[in-house]
N, C-alpha and C. Protein backbone atom coordinates (compact mmCIF):
# COMPACT_ATOMS: atom_id res chain seq x y z
N UNK A 1 118.47 98.11 93.77
CA UNK A 1 117.53 99.15 94.05
C UNK A 1 117.10 99.20 95.51
N UNK A 2 116.90 98.02 96.11
CA UNK A 2 116.43 97.96 97.48
C UNK A 2 117.50 98.53 98.41
N UNK A 3 118.74 98.06 98.26
CA UNK A 3 119.83 98.51 99.14
C UNK A 3 120.10 99.98 98.95
N UNK A 4 120.02 100.44 97.72
CA UNK A 4 120.24 101.87 97.42
C UNK A 4 119.16 102.69 98.13
N UNK A 5 117.89 102.30 98.10
CA UNK A 5 116.82 103.04 98.72
C UNK A 5 117.00 103.06 100.29
N UNK A 6 117.49 101.96 100.85
CA UNK A 6 117.76 101.90 102.27
C UNK A 6 118.91 102.87 102.62
N UNK A 7 119.98 102.84 101.84
CA UNK A 7 121.10 103.74 102.12
C UNK A 7 120.66 105.23 101.92
N UNK A 8 119.84 105.48 100.97
CA UNK A 8 119.33 106.88 100.74
C UNK A 8 118.55 107.33 101.98
N UNK A 9 117.76 106.43 102.55
CA UNK A 9 116.99 106.85 103.70
C UNK A 9 117.88 107.19 104.88
N UNK A 10 119.03 106.56 104.96
CA UNK A 10 120.00 106.89 106.09
C UNK A 10 120.67 108.21 105.86
N UNK A 11 120.63 108.80 104.70
CA UNK A 11 121.27 110.06 104.42
C UNK A 11 120.38 111.24 104.85
N UNK A 12 119.23 110.94 105.39
CA UNK A 12 118.25 111.97 105.75
C UNK A 12 118.91 112.99 106.71
N UNK A 13 118.89 114.31 106.41
CA UNK A 13 119.41 115.25 107.32
C UNK A 13 118.79 115.20 108.69
N UNK A 14 119.54 115.50 109.70
CA UNK A 14 119.00 115.54 111.07
C UNK A 14 119.02 114.22 111.75
N UNK A 15 119.51 113.17 111.12
CA UNK A 15 119.54 111.83 111.70
C UNK A 15 121.00 111.59 112.23
N UNK A 16 121.33 112.35 113.24
CA UNK A 16 122.70 112.28 113.78
C UNK A 16 122.91 111.16 114.82
N UNK A 17 121.90 110.76 115.51
CA UNK A 17 122.02 109.81 116.59
C UNK A 17 121.90 108.38 116.01
N UNK A 18 122.72 107.49 116.56
CA UNK A 18 122.75 106.09 116.08
C UNK A 18 121.38 105.45 116.33
N UNK A 19 120.70 105.73 117.50
CA UNK A 19 119.41 105.09 117.74
C UNK A 19 118.40 105.58 116.73
N UNK A 20 118.41 106.88 116.33
CA UNK A 20 117.53 107.37 115.31
C UNK A 20 117.76 106.70 113.99
N UNK A 21 119.03 106.43 113.67
CA UNK A 21 119.39 105.80 112.38
C UNK A 21 118.97 104.35 112.40
N UNK A 22 119.07 103.66 113.53
CA UNK A 22 118.57 102.27 113.62
C UNK A 22 117.10 102.21 113.49
N UNK A 23 116.41 103.15 114.08
CA UNK A 23 114.92 103.17 113.97
C UNK A 23 114.51 103.49 112.55
N UNK A 24 115.20 104.42 111.89
CA UNK A 24 114.88 104.79 110.50
C UNK A 24 115.14 103.57 109.60
N UNK A 25 116.25 102.86 109.83
CA UNK A 25 116.56 101.66 109.04
C UNK A 25 115.49 100.63 109.24
N UNK A 26 115.09 100.34 110.48
CA UNK A 26 114.05 99.39 110.71
C UNK A 26 112.72 99.77 110.02
N UNK A 27 112.36 101.02 110.08
CA UNK A 27 111.18 101.47 109.37
C UNK A 27 111.24 101.32 107.87
N UNK A 28 112.40 101.65 107.36
CA UNK A 28 112.61 101.54 105.90
C UNK A 28 112.56 100.12 105.46
N UNK A 29 113.19 99.21 106.20
CA UNK A 29 113.16 97.79 105.87
C UNK A 29 111.75 97.23 105.94
N UNK A 30 111.04 97.63 106.99
CA UNK A 30 109.66 97.17 107.17
C UNK A 30 108.82 97.59 105.94
N UNK A 31 108.97 98.82 105.56
CA UNK A 31 108.14 99.31 104.44
C UNK A 31 108.55 98.65 103.13
N UNK A 32 109.81 98.50 102.85
CA UNK A 32 110.29 97.93 101.62
C UNK A 32 109.98 96.43 101.51
N UNK A 33 109.91 95.71 102.64
CA UNK A 33 109.71 94.29 102.62
C UNK A 33 108.27 93.93 102.89
N UNK A 34 107.39 94.91 103.02
CA UNK A 34 106.02 94.65 103.28
C UNK A 34 105.33 94.07 102.07
N UNK A 35 104.18 93.42 102.33
CA UNK A 35 103.39 92.85 101.24
C UNK A 35 102.65 94.01 100.52
N UNK A 36 102.81 94.05 99.22
CA UNK A 36 102.26 95.16 98.45
C UNK A 36 100.74 95.03 98.27
N UNK A 37 100.07 96.13 98.18
CA UNK A 37 98.62 96.17 97.97
C UNK A 37 98.24 95.40 96.72
N UNK A 38 97.20 94.63 96.85
CA UNK A 38 96.68 93.83 95.70
C UNK A 38 97.20 92.43 95.61
N UNK A 39 98.24 92.08 96.39
CA UNK A 39 98.76 90.71 96.35
C UNK A 39 97.80 89.81 97.12
N UNK A 40 97.43 88.68 96.44
CA UNK A 40 96.53 87.72 97.10
C UNK A 40 97.34 86.78 97.98
N UNK A 41 96.86 86.60 99.19
CA UNK A 41 97.53 85.74 100.15
C UNK A 41 96.76 84.47 100.41
N UNK A 42 97.48 83.44 100.77
CA UNK A 42 96.91 82.19 101.22
C UNK A 42 96.36 82.38 102.68
N UNK A 43 95.46 81.56 103.14
CA UNK A 43 94.90 81.65 104.46
C UNK A 43 95.99 81.61 105.51
N UNK A 44 96.99 80.72 105.31
CA UNK A 44 98.09 80.54 106.30
C UNK A 44 98.94 81.88 106.38
N UNK A 45 99.11 82.53 105.23
CA UNK A 45 99.83 83.77 105.22
C UNK A 45 99.08 84.89 105.95
N UNK A 46 97.76 84.91 105.77
CA UNK A 46 96.96 85.91 106.49
C UNK A 46 96.96 85.66 107.95
N UNK A 47 96.80 84.41 108.39
CA UNK A 47 96.86 84.10 109.80
C UNK A 47 98.19 84.47 110.45
N UNK A 48 99.26 84.17 109.72
CA UNK A 48 100.62 84.53 110.27
C UNK A 48 100.77 86.06 110.36
N UNK A 49 100.23 86.80 109.37
CA UNK A 49 100.34 88.25 109.38
C UNK A 49 99.65 88.82 110.60
N UNK A 50 98.43 88.37 110.85
CA UNK A 50 97.66 88.85 112.01
C UNK A 50 98.36 88.50 113.31
N UNK A 51 98.87 87.26 113.40
CA UNK A 51 99.59 86.86 114.61
C UNK A 51 100.79 87.73 114.83
N UNK A 52 101.53 88.00 113.75
CA UNK A 52 102.74 88.83 113.86
C UNK A 52 102.38 90.32 114.18
N UNK A 53 101.28 90.75 113.63
CA UNK A 53 100.85 92.12 113.96
C UNK A 53 100.59 92.30 115.41
N UNK A 54 99.85 91.41 116.01
CA UNK A 54 99.52 91.53 117.45
C UNK A 54 100.72 91.20 118.34
N UNK A 55 101.80 90.68 117.79
CA UNK A 55 103.02 90.42 118.60
C UNK A 55 103.87 91.70 118.67
N UNK A 56 103.54 92.71 117.89
CA UNK A 56 104.29 93.97 117.90
C UNK A 56 104.00 94.77 119.15
N UNK A 57 104.90 95.72 119.44
CA UNK A 57 104.70 96.64 120.54
C UNK A 57 103.58 97.60 120.25
N UNK A 58 103.44 98.01 118.99
CA UNK A 58 102.35 98.98 118.66
C UNK A 58 101.62 98.46 117.44
N UNK A 59 100.69 97.44 117.67
CA UNK A 59 100.05 96.84 116.48
C UNK A 59 99.04 97.79 115.81
N UNK A 60 98.69 98.93 116.45
CA UNK A 60 97.69 99.78 115.87
C UNK A 60 98.18 100.74 114.78
N UNK A 61 99.52 100.79 114.57
CA UNK A 61 100.03 101.71 113.55
C UNK A 61 101.13 101.11 112.75
N UNK A 62 101.32 101.61 111.51
CA UNK A 62 102.40 101.17 110.60
C UNK A 62 103.67 101.87 111.04
N UNK A 63 104.82 101.50 110.40
CA UNK A 63 106.02 102.22 110.71
C UNK A 63 105.99 103.72 110.34
N UNK A 64 105.03 104.05 109.46
CA UNK A 64 104.83 105.51 109.10
C UNK A 64 103.75 106.15 109.93
N UNK A 65 103.33 105.46 111.02
CA UNK A 65 102.31 105.99 111.93
C UNK A 65 100.90 106.04 111.33
N UNK A 66 100.64 105.22 110.27
CA UNK A 66 99.30 105.17 109.76
C UNK A 66 98.56 104.03 110.49
N UNK A 67 97.22 104.19 110.65
CA UNK A 67 96.53 103.16 111.42
C UNK A 67 96.45 101.81 110.64
N UNK A 68 96.53 100.70 111.38
CA UNK A 68 96.43 99.35 110.78
C UNK A 68 95.01 98.83 110.92
N UNK A 69 94.19 99.43 111.75
CA UNK A 69 92.86 98.94 111.98
C UNK A 69 92.00 100.03 112.60
N UNK A 70 90.70 99.81 112.54
CA UNK A 70 89.75 100.71 113.19
C UNK A 70 88.78 99.84 113.97
N UNK A 71 88.31 100.34 115.05
CA UNK A 71 87.23 99.68 115.83
C UNK A 71 85.95 100.35 115.51
N UNK A 72 84.99 99.57 114.99
CA UNK A 72 83.66 100.14 114.60
C UNK A 72 82.61 99.41 115.45
N UNK A 73 81.78 100.18 116.08
CA UNK A 73 80.75 99.61 116.89
C UNK A 73 79.62 99.03 116.02
N UNK A 74 78.85 98.16 116.56
CA UNK A 74 77.73 97.57 115.86
C UNK A 74 76.75 98.65 115.47
N UNK A 75 76.51 99.62 116.27
CA UNK A 75 75.62 100.77 115.93
C UNK A 75 76.12 101.52 114.75
N UNK A 76 77.45 101.74 114.63
CA UNK A 76 78.02 102.45 113.49
C UNK A 76 77.79 101.59 112.19
N UNK A 77 78.01 100.28 112.32
CA UNK A 77 77.75 99.43 111.19
C UNK A 77 76.30 99.50 110.72
N UNK A 78 75.33 99.49 111.70
CA UNK A 78 73.93 99.59 111.39
C UNK A 78 73.62 100.85 110.63
N UNK A 79 74.23 101.99 111.10
CA UNK A 79 73.98 103.27 110.43
C UNK A 79 74.60 103.28 108.98
N UNK A 80 75.79 102.71 108.85
CA UNK A 80 76.40 102.67 107.50
C UNK A 80 75.67 101.82 106.50
N UNK A 81 75.20 100.67 106.95
CA UNK A 81 74.55 99.74 106.08
C UNK A 81 73.04 99.68 106.19
N UNK A 82 72.54 100.49 107.10
CA UNK A 82 71.06 100.57 107.31
C UNK A 82 70.44 99.20 107.47
N UNK A 83 71.04 98.40 108.36
CA UNK A 83 70.57 97.01 108.59
C UNK A 83 69.33 97.06 109.45
């Protein structure tokens, strides 16, 4: 199933350039091999994940361009929680 889904992603129309296909393959692999929502991690796994995240070229977004984090000011927290 995993290999089939990767191969299907490479069949996407408009992906004629080898660089585009390599980037698409990397994104597909990253998404398929990612830790799924709800999985409980050990502290060492969480530390390694954060370390690896900040070692990336673009740690602020996922391969699908979704944000990985938000910066919230102390004032915003105060307003949200009425501290």
